[in-house]
Amino acid sequence: MKIKLLTAAVAAIATSQVFALAPTASYDLEVRVSGATAVDNQFQAYVEELCDPATLDSFYQPSDVARGFGCTVPGGSVAGIATDLDVLFMKNSSGSSAGVAPLPIKPACHF
């Protein structure tokens, strides 16, 4: 009986998700960045530095080509920003040309 109860508790925890900002949240600002994977970790570190840690959520595409971060950037932490902003940062890492190729010859790059 205890094993069944433990299994049910673990399953309930594993299937539930807690988000600081809901995935359907309306963001004040969306920041889109694309390019090579070489800067992915630096981009993530910069986002983590800007964001209030209590509000930071990370979203990853299964192929790890795209990642997103939703958070609240506290007012005053960035020059010129006086109030808190809910920001969605998105990074597409499909290659160095992903940032410039869509401009002259390809359709918009999807995140």
PDB file of N, CA and C in Angstrom:
ATOM      1  N   MET A   1       0.812  -1.198   0.000  1.00  0.00           N
ATOM      2  CA  MET A   1       0.000   0.000   0.000  1.00  0.00           C
ATOM      3  C   MET A   1       0.858   1.265   0.000  1.00  0.00           C
ATOM      4  N   LYS A   2       1.947   1.258   0.792  1.00  0.00           N
ATOM      5  CA  LYS A   2       2.804   2.426   0.864  1.00  0.00           C
ATOM      6  C   LYS A   2       3.485   2.693  -0.475  1.00  0.00           C
ATOM      7  N   ILE A   3       3.851   1.626  -1.194  1.00  0.00           N
ATOM      8  CA  ILE A   3       4.510   1.798  -2.497  1.00  0.00           C
ATOM      9  C   ILE A   3       3.537   2.425  -3.488  1.00  0.00           C
ATOM     10  N   LYS A   4       2.286   1.993  -3.482  1.00  0.00           N
ATOM     11  CA  LYS A   4       1.287   2.574  -4.380  1.00  0.00           C
ATOM     12  C   LYS A   4       1.077   4.053  -4.070  1.00  0.00           C
ATOM     13  N   LEU A   5       1.019   4.393  -2.802  1.00  0.00           N
ATOM     14  CA  LEU A   5       0.832   5.785  -2.397  1.00  0.00           C
ATOM     15  C   LEU A   5       2.038   6.628  -2.809  1.00  0.00           C
ATOM     16  N   LEU A   6       3.239   6.090  -2.611  1.00  0.00           N
ATOM     17  CA  LEU A   6       4.457   6.799  -3.002  1.00  0.00           C
ATOM     18  C   LEU A   6       4.506   6.981  -4.518  1.00  0.00           C
ATOM     19  N   THR A   7       4.141   5.949  -5.261  1.00  0.00           N
ATOM     20  CA  THR A   7       4.118   6.038  -6.724  1.00  0.00           C
ATOM     21  C   THR A   7       3.134   7.101  -7.186  1.00  0.00           C
ATOM     22  N   ALA A   8       1.968   7.155  -6.572  1.00  0.00           N
ATOM     23  CA  ALA A   8       0.968   8.160  -6.935  1.00  0.00           C
ATOM     24  C   ALA A   8       1.465   9.569  -6.603  1.00  0.00           C
ATOM     25  N   ALA A   9       2.136   9.724  -5.473  1.00  0.00           N
ATOM     26  CA  ALA A   9       2.651  11.045  -5.097  1.00  0.00           C
ATOM     27  C   ALA A   9       3.737  11.507  -6.057  1.00  0.00           C
ATOM     28  N   VAL A  10       4.647  10.609  -6.423  1.00  0.00           N
ATOM     29  CA  VAL A  10       5.709  10.959  -7.367  1.00  0.00           C
ATOM     30  C   VAL A  10       5.118  11.300  -8.726  1.00  0.00           C
ATOM     31  N   ALA A  11       4.127  10.548  -9.178  1.00  0.00           N
ATOM     32  CA  ALA A  11       3.480  10.828 -10.462  1.00  0.00           C
ATOM     33  C   ALA A  11       2.788  12.181 -10.450  1.00  0.00           C
ATOM     34  N   ALA A  12       2.144  12.522  -9.340  1.00  0.00           N
ATOM     35  CA  ALA A  12       1.468  13.820  -9.238  1.00  0.00           C
ATOM     36  C   ALA A  12       2.467  14.966  -9.286  1.00  0.00           C
ATOM     37  N   ILE A  13       3.594  14.798  -8.625  1.00  0.00           N
ATOM     38  CA  ILE A  13       4.618  15.840  -8.637  1.00  0.00           C
ATOM     39  C   ILE A  13       5.234  15.962 -10.025  1.00  0.00           C
ATOM     40  N   ALA A  14       5.501  14.841 -10.662  1.00  0.00           N
ATOM     41  CA  ALA A  14       6.151  14.853 -11.973  1.00  0.00           C
ATOM     42  C   ALA A  14       5.270  15.467 -13.055  1.00  0.00           C
ATOM     43  N   THR A  15       3.956  15.308 -12.936  1.00  0.00           N
ATOM     44  CA  THR A  15       3.070  15.823 -13.978  1.00  0.00           C
ATOM     45  C   THR A  15       2.617  17.252 -13.730  1.00  0.00           C
ATOM     46  N   SER A  16       2.814  17.751 -12.521  1.00  0.00           N
ATOM     47  CA  SER A  16       2.406  19.130 -12.260  1.00  0.00           C
ATOM     48  C   SER A  16       3.567  20.057 -12.567  1.00  0.00           C
ATOM     49  N   GLN A  17       3.252  21.264 -13.011  1.00  0.00           N
ATOM     50  CA  GLN A  17       4.272  22.242 -13.326  1.00  0.00           C
ATOM     51  C   GLN A  17       3.950  23.534 -12.604  1.00  0.00           C
ATOM     52  N   VAL A  18       4.990  24.190 -12.140  1.00  0.00           N
ATOM     53  CA  VAL A  18       4.825  25.469 -11.472  1.00  0.00           C
ATOM     54  C   VAL A  18       5.631  26.489 -12.250  1.00  0.00           C
ATOM     55  N   PHE A  19       4.987  27.571 -12.644  1.00  0.00           N
ATOM     56  CA  PHE A  19       5.648  28.616 -13.405  1.00  0.00           C
ATOM     57  C   PHE A  19       5.604  29.919 -12.622  1.00  0.00           C
ATOM     58  N   ALA A  20       6.728  30.648 -12.635  1.00  0.00           N
ATOM     59  CA  ALA A  20       6.733  31.967 -12.022  1.00  0.00           C
ATOM     60  C   ALA A  20       5.839  32.908 -12.819  1.00  0.00           C
ATOM     61  N   LEU A  21       5.954  32.861 -14.132  1.00  0.00           N
ATOM     62  CA  LEU A  21       5.055  33.575 -15.044  1.00  0.00           C
ATOM     63  C   LEU A  21       4.403  32.509 -15.919  1.00  0.00           C
ATOM     64  N   ALA A  22       3.111  32.546 -16.043  1.00  0.00           N
ATOM     65  CA  ALA A  22       2.416  31.526 -16.828  1.00  0.00           C
ATOM     66  C   ALA A  22       2.882  31.541 -18.280  1.00  0.00           C
ATOM     67  N   PRO A  23       2.933  30.346 -18.929  1.00  0.00           N
ATOM     68  CA  PRO A  23       3.334  30.304 -20.335  1.00  0.00           C
ATOM     69  C   PRO A  23       2.427  31.148 -21.226  1.00  0.00           C
ATOM     70  N   THR A  24       1.210  31.385 -20.787  1.00  0.00           N
ATOM     71  CA  THR A  24       0.282  32.199 -21.570  1.00  0.00           C
ATOM     72  C   THR A  24       0.297  33.658 -21.131  1.00  0.00           C
ATOM     73  N   ALA A  25       1.266  34.020 -20.289  1.00  0.00           N
ATOM     74  CA  ALA A  25       1.339  35.389 -19.777  1.00  0.00           C
ATOM     75  C   ALA A  25       1.513  36.388 -20.906  1.00  0.00           C
ATOM     76  N   SER A  26       1.016  37.562 -20.674  1.00  0.00           N
ATOM     77  CA  SER A  26       1.204  38.658 -21.617  1.00  0.00           C
ATOM     78  C   SER A  26       2.466  39.402 -21.195  1.00  0.00           C
ATOM     79  N   TYR A  27       3.442  39.429 -22.066  1.00  0.00           N
ATOM     80  CA  TYR A  27       4.724  40.048 -21.738  1.00  0.00           C
ATOM     81  C   TYR A  27       4.747  41.493 -22.203  1.00  0.00           C
ATOM     82  N   ASP A  28       5.441  42.327 -21.444  1.00  0.00           N
ATOM     83  CA  ASP A  28       5.602  43.731 -21.811  1.00  0.00           C
ATOM     84  C   ASP A  28       6.595  43.899 -22.955  1.00  0.00           C
ATOM     85  N   LEU A  29       7.530  42.962 -23.064  1.00  0.00           N
ATOM     86  CA  LEU A  29       8.600  43.074 -24.053  1.00  0.00           C
ATOM     87  C   LEU A  29       9.036  41.683 -24.480  1.00  0.00           C
ATOM     88  N   GLU A  30       9.270  41.493 -25.781  1.00  0.00           N
ATOM     89  CA  GLU A  30       9.831  40.250 -26.306  1.00  0.00           C
ATOM     90  C   GLU A  30      11.169  40.570 -26.946  1.00  0.00           C
ATOM     91  N   VAL A  31      12.205  39.832 -26.547  1.00  0.00           N
ATOM     92  CA  VAL A  31      13.549  40.007 -27.099  1.00  0.00           C
ATOM     93  C   VAL A  31      13.889  38.739 -27.860  1.00  0.00           C
ATOM     94  N   ARG A  32      14.139  38.867 -29.169  1.00  0.00           N
ATOM     95  CA  ARG A  32      14.458  37.716 -30.019  1.00  0.00           C
ATOM     96  C   ARG A  32      15.898  37.819 -30.502  1.00  0.00           C
ATOM     97  N   VAL A  33      16.638  36.724 -30.317  1.00  0.00           N
ATOM     98  CA  VAL A  33      18.030  36.659 -30.727  1.00  0.00           C
ATOM     99  C   VAL A  33      18.226  35.366 -31.496  1.00  0.00           C
ATOM    100  N   SER A  34      19.001  35.417 -32.588  1.00  0.00           N
ATOM    101  CA  SER A  34      19.303  34.191 -33.315  1.00  0.00           C
ATOM    102  C   SER A  34      20.769  34.185 -33.714  1.00  0.00           C
ATOM    103  N   GLY A  35      21.266  33.002 -34.003  1.00  0.00           N
ATOM    104  CA  GLY A  35      22.663  32.848 -34.387  1.00  0.00           C
ATOM    105  C   GLY A  35      23.182  31.491 -33.979  1.00  0.00           C
ATOM    106  N   ALA A  36      24.487  31.376 -33.878  1.00  0.00           N
ATOM    107  CA  ALA A  36      25.137  30.105 -33.573  1.00  0.00           C
ATOM    108  C   ALA A  36      24.945  29.707 -32.115  1.00  0.00           C
ATOM    109  N   THR A  37      25.197  28.440 -31.846  1.00  0.00           N
ATOM    110  CA  THR A  37      25.067  27.918 -30.482  1.00  0.00           C
ATOM    111  C   THR A  37      26.195  28.383 -29.570  1.00  0.00           C
ATOM    112  N   ALA A  38      27.250  28.937 -30.125  1.00  0.00           N
ATOM    113  CA  ALA A  38      28.426  29.312 -29.338  1.00  0.00           C
ATOM    114  C   ALA A  38      28.101  30.280 -28.207  1.00  0.00           C
ATOM    115  N   VAL A  39      27.091  31.108 -28.361  1.00  0.00           N
ATOM    116  CA  VAL A  39      26.777  32.111 -27.338  1.00  0.00           C
ATOM    117  C   VAL A  39      25.567  31.736 -26.474  1.00  0.00           C
ATOM    118  N   ASP A  40      25.051  30.528 -26.628  1.00  0.00           N
ATOM    119  CA  ASP A  40      23.862  30.134 -25.862  1.00  0.00           C
ATOM    120  C   ASP A  40      24.056  30.269 -24.360  1.00  0.00           C
ATOM    121  N   ASN A  41      25.160  29.766 -23.843  1.00  0.00           N
ATOM    122  CA  ASN A  41      25.379  29.818 -22.396  1.00  0.00           C
ATOM    123  C   ASN A  41      25.590  31.242 -21.904  1.00  0.00           C
ATOM    124  N   GLN A  42      26.269  32.058 -22.699  1.00  0.00           N
ATOM    125  CA  GLN A  42      26.460  33.459 -22.319  1.00  0.00           C
ATOM    126  C   GLN A  42      25.133  34.201 -22.337  1.00  0.00           C
ATOM    127  N   PHE A  43      24.308  33.914 -23.343  1.00  0.00           N
ATOM    128  CA  PHE A  43      22.982  34.535 -23.428  1.00  0.00           C
ATOM    129  C   PHE A  43      22.163  34.177 -22.191  1.00  0.00           C
ATOM    130  N   GLN A  44      22.168  32.891 -21.821  1.00  0.00           N
ATOM    131  CA  GLN A  44      21.423  32.452 -20.654  1.00  0.00           C
ATOM    132  C   GLN A  44      21.956  33.123 -19.387  1.00  0.00           C
ATOM    133  N   ALA A  45      23.268  33.227 -19.246  1.00  0.00           N
ATOM    134  CA  ALA A  45      23.854  33.869 -18.066  1.00  0.00           C
ATOM    135  C   ALA A  45      23.449  35.339 -17.991  1.00  0.00           C
ATOM    136  N   TYR A  46      23.409  36.021 -19.125  1.00  0.00           N
ATOM    137  CA  TYR A  46      23.005  37.423 -19.152  1.00  0.00           C
ATOM    138  C   TYR A  46      21.537  37.572 -18.745  1.00  0.00           C
ATOM    139  N   VAL A  47      20.685  36.699 -19.268  1.00  0.00           N
ATOM    140  CA  VAL A  47      19.271  36.730 -18.903  1.00  0.00           C
ATOM    141  C   VAL A  47      19.120  36.494 -17.405  1.00  0.00           C
ATOM    142  N   GLU A  48      19.839  35.511 -16.872  1.00  0.00           N
ATOM    143  CA  GLU A  48      19.755  35.216 -15.438  1.00  0.00           C
ATOM    144  C   GLU A  48      20.239  36.394 -14.597  1.00  0.00           C
ATOM    145  N   GLU A  49      21.180  37.149 -15.116  1.00  0.00           N
ATOM    146  CA  GLU A  49      21.673  38.332 -14.410  1.00  0.00           C
ATOM    147  C   GLU A  49      20.633  39.451 -14.398  1.00  0.00           C
ATOM    148  N   LEU A  50      19.892  39.594 -15.484  1.00  0.00           N
ATOM    149  CA  LEU A  50      18.882  40.650 -15.587  1.00  0.00           C
ATOM    150  C   LEU A  50      17.621  40.353 -14.785  1.00  0.00           C
ATOM    151  N   CYS A  51      17.257  39.083 -14.720  1.00  0.00           N
ATOM    152  CA  CYS A  51      15.948  38.693 -14.190  1.00  0.00           C
ATOM    153  C   CYS A  51      15.911  38.589 -12.669  1.00  0.00           C
ATOM    154  N   ASP A  52      14.717  38.811 -12.133  1.00  0.00           N
ATOM    155  CA  ASP A  52      14.441  38.500 -10.736  1.00  0.00           C
ATOM    156  C   ASP A  52      14.406  36.973 -10.641  1.00  0.00           C
ATOM    157  N   PRO A  53      15.297  36.344  -9.865  1.00  0.00           N
ATOM    158  CA  PRO A  53      15.373  34.881  -9.831  1.00  0.00           C
ATOM    159  C   PRO A  53      14.058  34.196  -9.449  1.00  0.00           C
ATOM    160  N   ALA A  54      13.234  34.852  -8.646  1.00  0.00           N
ATOM    161  CA  ALA A  54      11.968  34.255  -8.225  1.00  0.00           C
ATOM    162  C   ALA A  54      10.964  34.162  -9.366  1.00  0.00           C
ATOM    163  N   THR A  55      11.209  34.867 -10.470  1.00  0.00           N
ATOM    164  CA  THR A  55      10.249  34.881 -11.572  1.00  0.00           C
ATOM    165  C   THR A  55      10.779  34.211 -12.832  1.00  0.00           C
ATOM    166  N   LEU A  56      11.981  33.667 -12.800  1.00  0.00           N
ATOM    167  CA  LEU A  56      12.613  33.126 -14.007  1.00  0.00           C
ATOM    168  C   LEU A  56      12.107  31.729 -14.348  1.00  0.00           C
ATOM    169  N   ASP A  57      11.625  31.569 -15.567  1.00  0.00           N
ATOM    170  CA  ASP A  57      11.230  30.269 -16.112  1.00  0.00           C
ATOM    171  C   ASP A  57      11.996  30.031 -17.394  1.00  0.00           C
ATOM    172  N   SER A  58      12.382  28.779 -17.640  1.00  0.00           N
ATOM    173  CA  SER A  58      13.105  28.416 -18.854  1.00  0.00           C
ATOM    174  C   SER A  58      12.257  27.467 -19.679  1.00  0.00           C
ATOM    175  N   PHE A  59      12.284  27.669 -20.979  1.00  0.00           N
ATOM    176  CA  PHE A  59      11.549  26.830 -21.914  1.00  0.00           C
ATOM    177  C   PHE A  59      12.528  26.368 -22.993  1.00  0.00           C
ATOM    178  N   TYR A  60      12.598  25.055 -23.242  1.00  0.00           N
ATOM    179  CA  TYR A  60      13.521  24.526 -24.236  1.00  0.00           C
ATOM    180  C   TYR A  60      12.768  23.713 -25.270  1.00  0.00           C
ATOM    181  N   GLN A  61      13.153  23.876 -26.526  1.00  0.00           N
ATOM    182  CA  GLN A  61      12.627  23.053 -27.600  1.00  0.00           C
ATOM    183  C   GLN A  61      13.325  21.697 -27.497  1.00  0.00           C
ATOM    184  N   PRO A  62      12.624  20.598 -27.755  1.00  0.00           N
ATOM    185  CA  PRO A  62      13.249  19.283 -27.607  1.00  0.00           C
ATOM    186  C   PRO A  62      14.575  19.128 -28.370  1.00  0.00           C
ATOM    187  N   SER A  63      14.706  19.756 -29.512  1.00  0.00           N
ATOM    188  CA  SER A  63      15.947  19.643 -30.287  1.00  0.00           C
ATOM    189  C   SER A  63      17.038  20.548 -29.740  1.00  0.00           C
ATOM    190  N   ASP A  64      16.734  21.369 -28.745  1.00  0.00           N
ATOM    191  CA  ASP A  64      17.656  22.321 -28.132  1.00  0.00           C
ATOM    192  C   ASP A  64      18.129  23.392 -29.116  1.00  0.00           C
ATOM    193  N   VAL A  65      17.385  23.582 -30.206  1.00  0.00           N
ATOM    194  CA  VAL A  65      17.716  24.635 -31.171  1.00  0.00           C
ATOM    195  C   VAL A  65      17.190  25.973 -30.670  1.00  0.00           C
ATOM    196  N   ALA A  66      16.077  25.940 -29.973  1.00  0.00           N
ATOM    197  CA  ALA A  66      15.476  27.178 -29.482  1.00  0.00           C
ATOM    198  C   ALA A  66      15.258  27.073 -27.980  1.00  0.00           C
ATOM    199  N   ARG A  67      15.463  28.181 -27.316  1.00  0.00           N
ATOM    200  CA  ARG A  67      15.203  28.243 -25.881  1.00  0.00           C
ATOM    201  C   ARG A  67      14.574  29.593 -25.567  1.00  0.00           C
ATOM    202  N   GLY A  68      13.805  29.613 -24.507  1.00  0.00           N
ATOM    203  CA  GLY A  68      13.159  30.849 -24.101  1.00  0.00           C
ATOM    204  C   GLY A  68      13.224  31.012 -22.597  1.00  0.00           C
ATOM    205  N   PHE A  69      13.172  32.245 -22.176  1.00  0.00           N
ATOM    206  CA  PHE A  69      13.210  32.568 -20.753  1.00  0.00           C
ATOM    207  C   PHE A  69      12.179  33.654 -20.493  1.00  0.00           C
ATOM    208  N   GLY A  70      11.294  33.420 -19.564  1.00  0.00           N
ATOM    209  CA  GLY A  70      10.315  34.413 -19.165  1.00  0.00           C
ATOM    210  C   GLY A  70      10.612  34.859 -17.751  1.00  0.00           C
ATOM    211  N   CYS A  71      10.558  36.165 -17.510  1.00  0.00           N
ATOM    212  CA  CYS A  71      10.854  36.653 -16.169  1.00  0.00           C
ATOM    213  C   CYS A  71      10.400  38.100 -16.019  1.00  0.00           C
ATOM    214  N   THR A  72      10.549  38.584 -14.808  1.00  0.00           N
ATOM    215  CA  THR A  72      10.333  40.000 -14.531  1.00  0.00           C
ATOM    216  C   THR A  72      11.707  40.644 -14.354  1.00  0.00           C
ATOM    217  N   VAL A  73      11.962  41.674 -15.134  1.00  0.00           N
ATOM    218  CA  VAL A  73      13.188  42.461 -14.990  1.00  0.00           C
ATOM    219  C   VAL A  73      12.835  43.623 -14.062  1.00  0.00           C
ATOM    220  N   PRO A  74      13.469  43.674 -12.890  1.00  0.00           N
ATOM    221  CA  PRO A  74      13.118  44.714 -11.921  1.00  0.00           C
ATOM    222  C   PRO A  74      13.426  46.124 -12.433  1.00  0.00           C
ATOM    223  N   GLY A  75      12.520  47.040 -12.151  1.00  0.00           N
ATOM    224  CA  GLY A  75      12.735  48.431 -12.515  1.00  0.00           C
ATOM    225  C   GLY A  75      13.985  48.966 -11.837  1.00  0.00           C
ATOM    226  N   GLY A  76      14.734  49.756 -12.570  1.00  0.00           N
ATOM    227  CA  GLY A  76      15.962  50.322 -12.028  1.00  0.00           C
ATOM    228  C   GLY A  76      17.187  49.467 -12.247  1.00  0.00           C
ATOM    229  N   SER A  77      17.014  48.195 -12.633  1.00  0.00           N
ATOM    230  CA  SER A  77      18.176  47.333 -12.845  1.00  0.00           C
ATOM    231  C   SER A  77      18.796  47.541 -14.225  1.00  0.00           C
ATOM    232  N   VAL A  78      18.043  48.168 -15.118  1.00  0.00           N
ATOM    233  CA  VAL A  78      18.524  48.480 -16.465  1.00  0.00           C
ATOM    234  C   VAL A  78      18.338  49.984 -16.673  1.00  0.00           C
ATOM    235  N   ALA A  79      19.354  50.635 -17.183  1.00  0.00           N
ATOM    236  CA  ALA A  79      19.273  52.084 -17.402  1.00  0.00           C
ATOM    237  C   ALA A  79      18.068  52.426 -18.267  1.00  0.00           C
ATOM    238  N   GLY A  80      17.287  53.394 -17.836  1.00  0.00           N
ATOM    239  CA  GLY A  80      16.133  53.856 -18.590  1.00  0.00           C
ATOM    240  C   GLY A  80      14.846  53.101 -18.313  1.00  0.00           C
ATOM    241  N   ILE A  81      14.915  52.024 -17.521  1.00  0.00           N
ATOM    242  CA  ILE A  81      13.715  51.242 -17.192  1.00  0.00           C
ATOM    243  C   ILE A  81      13.384  51.509 -15.730  1.00  0.00           C
ATOM    244  N   ALA A  82      12.303  52.236 -15.495  1.00  0.00           N
ATOM    245  CA  ALA A  82      11.959  52.639 -14.128  1.00  0.00           C
ATOM    246  C   ALA A  82      11.000  51.668 -13.442  1.00  0.00           C
ATOM    247  N   THR A  83      10.199  50.927 -14.222  1.00  0.00           N
ATOM    248  CA  THR A  83       9.213  50.022 -13.636  1.00  0.00           C
ATOM    249  C   THR A  83       9.538  48.578 -14.004  1.00  0.00           C
ATOM    250  N   ASP A  84       8.998  47.646 -13.229  1.00  0.00           N
ATOM    251  CA  ASP A  84       9.189  46.229 -13.526  1.00  0.00           C
ATOM    252  C   ASP A  84       8.593  45.905 -14.893  1.00  0.00           C
ATOM    253  N   LEU A  85       9.303  45.062 -15.646  1.00  0.00           N
ATOM    254  CA  LEU A  85       8.813  44.617 -16.958  1.00  0.00           C
ATOM    255  C   LEU A  85       8.803  43.098 -17.005  1.00  0.00           C
ATOM    256  N   ASP A  86       7.698  42.515 -17.473  1.00  0.00           N
ATOM    257  CA  ASP A  86       7.668  41.078 -17.751  1.00  0.00           C
ATOM    258  C   ASP A  86       8.237  40.900 -19.149  1.00  0.00           C
ATOM    259  N   VAL A  87       9.337  40.148 -19.250  1.00  0.00           N
ATOM    260  CA  VAL A  87      10.068  40.036 -20.512  1.00  0.00           C
ATOM    261  C   VAL A  87      10.181  38.577 -20.927  1.00  0.00           C
ATOM    262  N   LEU A  88      10.004  38.332 -22.211  1.00  0.00           N
ATOM    263  CA  LEU A  88      10.222  37.013 -22.804  1.00  0.00           C
ATOM    264  C   LEU A  88      11.458  37.114 -23.683  1.00  0.00           C
ATOM    265  N   PHE A  89      12.520  36.393 -23.293  1.00  0.00           N
ATOM    266  CA  PHE A  89      13.749  36.333 -24.082  1.00  0.00           C
ATOM    267  C   PHE A  89      13.716  35.042 -24.884  1.00  0.00           C
ATOM    268  N   MET A  90      13.968  35.117 -26.196  1.00  0.00           N
ATOM    269  CA  MET A  90      13.964  33.926 -27.039  1.00  0.00           C
ATOM    270  C   MET A  90      15.270  33.847 -27.816  1.00  0.00           C
ATOM    271  N   LYS A  91      15.857  32.657 -27.870  1.00  0.00           N
ATOM    272  CA  LYS A  91      17.119  32.449 -28.579  1.00  0.00           C
ATOM    273  C   LYS A  91      16.949  31.285 -29.545  1.00  0.00           C
ATOM    274  N   ASN A  92      17.134  31.538 -30.839  1.00  0.00           N
ATOM    275  CA  ASN A  92      17.115  30.498 -31.866  1.00  0.00           C
ATOM    276  C   ASN A  92      18.554  30.245 -32.259  1.00  0.00           C
ATOM    277  N   SER A  93      19.004  29.000 -32.135  1.00  0.00           N
ATOM    278  CA  SER A  93      20.406  28.665 -32.377  1.00  0.00           C
ATOM    279  C   SER A  93      20.579  27.780 -33.604  1.00  0.00           C
ATOM    280  N   SER A  94      19.889  28.096 -34.653  1.00  0.00           N
ATOM    281  CA  SER A  94      19.965  27.239 -35.845  1.00  0.00           C
ATOM    282  C   SER A  94      21.149  27.570 -36.734  1.00  0.00           C
ATOM    283  N   GLY A  95      22.023  28.450 -36.304  1.00  0.00           N
ATOM    284  CA  GLY A  95      23.244  28.722 -37.052  1.00  0.00           C
ATOM    285  C   GLY A  95      23.512  30.201 -37.199  1.00  0.00           C
ATOM    286  N   SER A  96      24.743  30.512 -37.559  1.00  0.00           N
ATOM    287  CA  SER A  96      25.159  31.905 -37.682  1.00  0.00           C
ATOM    288  C   SER A  96      24.358  32.672 -38.712  1.00  0.00           C
ATOM    289  N   SER A  97      23.953  32.013 -39.778  1.00  0.00           N
ATOM    290  CA  SER A  97      23.227  32.711 -40.847  1.00  0.00           C
ATOM    291  C   SER A  97      21.759  32.929 -40.523  1.00  0.00           C
ATOM    292  N   ALA A  98      21.256  32.310 -39.448  1.00  0.00           N
ATOM    293  CA  ALA A  98      19.836  32.432 -39.130  1.00  0.00           C
ATOM    294  C   ALA A  98      19.437  33.862 -38.825  1.00  0.00           C
ATOM    295  N   GLY A  99      20.372  34.658 -38.353  1.00  0.00           N
ATOM    296  CA  GLY A  99      20.047  36.033 -38.006  1.00  0.00           C
ATOM    297  C   GLY A  99      19.949  36.959 -39.193  1.00  0.00           C
ATOM    298  N   VAL A 100      20.720  36.695 -40.262  1.00  0.00           N
ATOM    299  CA  VAL A 100      20.751  37.623 -41.391  1.00  0.00           C
ATOM    300  C   VAL A 100      20.158  37.063 -42.663  1.00  0.00           C
ATOM    301  N   ALA A 101      20.187  35.743 -42.851  1.00  0.00           N
ATOM    302  CA  ALA A 101      19.686  35.151 -44.090  1.00  0.00           C
ATOM    303  C   ALA A 101      18.211  35.450 -44.356  1.00  0.00           C
ATOM    304  N   PRO A 102      17.350  35.460 -43.331  1.00  0.00           N
ATOM    305  CA  PRO A 102      15.939  35.733 -43.618  1.00  0.00           C
ATOM    306  C   PRO A 102      15.689  37.122 -44.218  1.00  0.00           C
ATOM    307  N   LEU A 103      16.564  38.057 -43.960  1.00  0.00           N
ATOM    308  CA  LEU A 103      16.337  39.415 -44.455  1.00  0.00           C
ATOM    309  C   LEU A 103      16.284  39.484 -45.974  1.00  0.00           C
ATOM    310  N   PRO A 104      17.315  39.025 -46.704  1.00  0.00           N
ATOM    311  CA  PRO A 104      17.271  39.202 -48.150  1.00  0.00           C
ATOM    312  C   PRO A 104      16.613  38.065 -48.919  1.00  0.00           C
ATOM    313  N   ILE A 105      16.670  36.814 -48.403  1.00  0.00           N
ATOM    314  CA  ILE A 105      16.265  35.703 -49.267  1.00  0.00           C
ATOM    315  C   ILE A 105      15.289  34.704 -48.672  1.00  0.00           C
ATOM    316  N   LYS A 106      15.063  34.710 -47.396  1.00  0.00           N
ATOM    317  CA  LYS A 106      14.237  33.672 -46.778  1.00  0.00           C
ATOM    318  C   LYS A 106      13.050  34.286 -46.039  1.00  0.00           C
ATOM    319  N   PRO A 107      12.040  33.447 -45.739  1.00  0.00           N
ATOM    320  CA  PRO A 107      10.922  33.935 -44.916  1.00  0.00           C
ATOM    321  C   PRO A 107      11.382  34.153 -43.473  1.00  0.00           C
ATOM    322  N   ALA A 108      10.543  34.717 -42.681  1.00  0.00           N
ATOM    323  CA  ALA A 108      10.865  35.037 -41.285  1.00  0.00           C
ATOM    324  C   ALA A 108      11.335  33.804 -40.538  1.00  0.00           C
ATOM    325  N   CYS A 109      12.267  33.995 -39.652  1.00  0.00           N
ATOM    326  CA  CYS A 109      12.805  32.924 -38.814  1.00  0.00           C
ATOM    327  C   CYS A 109      11.845  32.693 -37.651  1.00  0.00           C
ATOM    328  N   HIS A 110      11.354  31.479 -37.488  1.00  0.00           N
ATOM    329  CA  HIS A 110      10.373  31.175 -36.447  1.00  0.00           C
ATOM    330  C   HIS A 110      11.063  30.754 -35.162  1.00  0.00           C
ATOM    331  N   PHE A 111      10.516  31.184 -34.055  1.00  0.00           N
ATOM    332  CA  PHE A 111      11.047  30.819 -32.742  1.00  0.00           C
ATOM    333  C   PHE A 111      10.150  29.796 -32.091  1.00  0.00           C
TER     334      PHE A 111
END
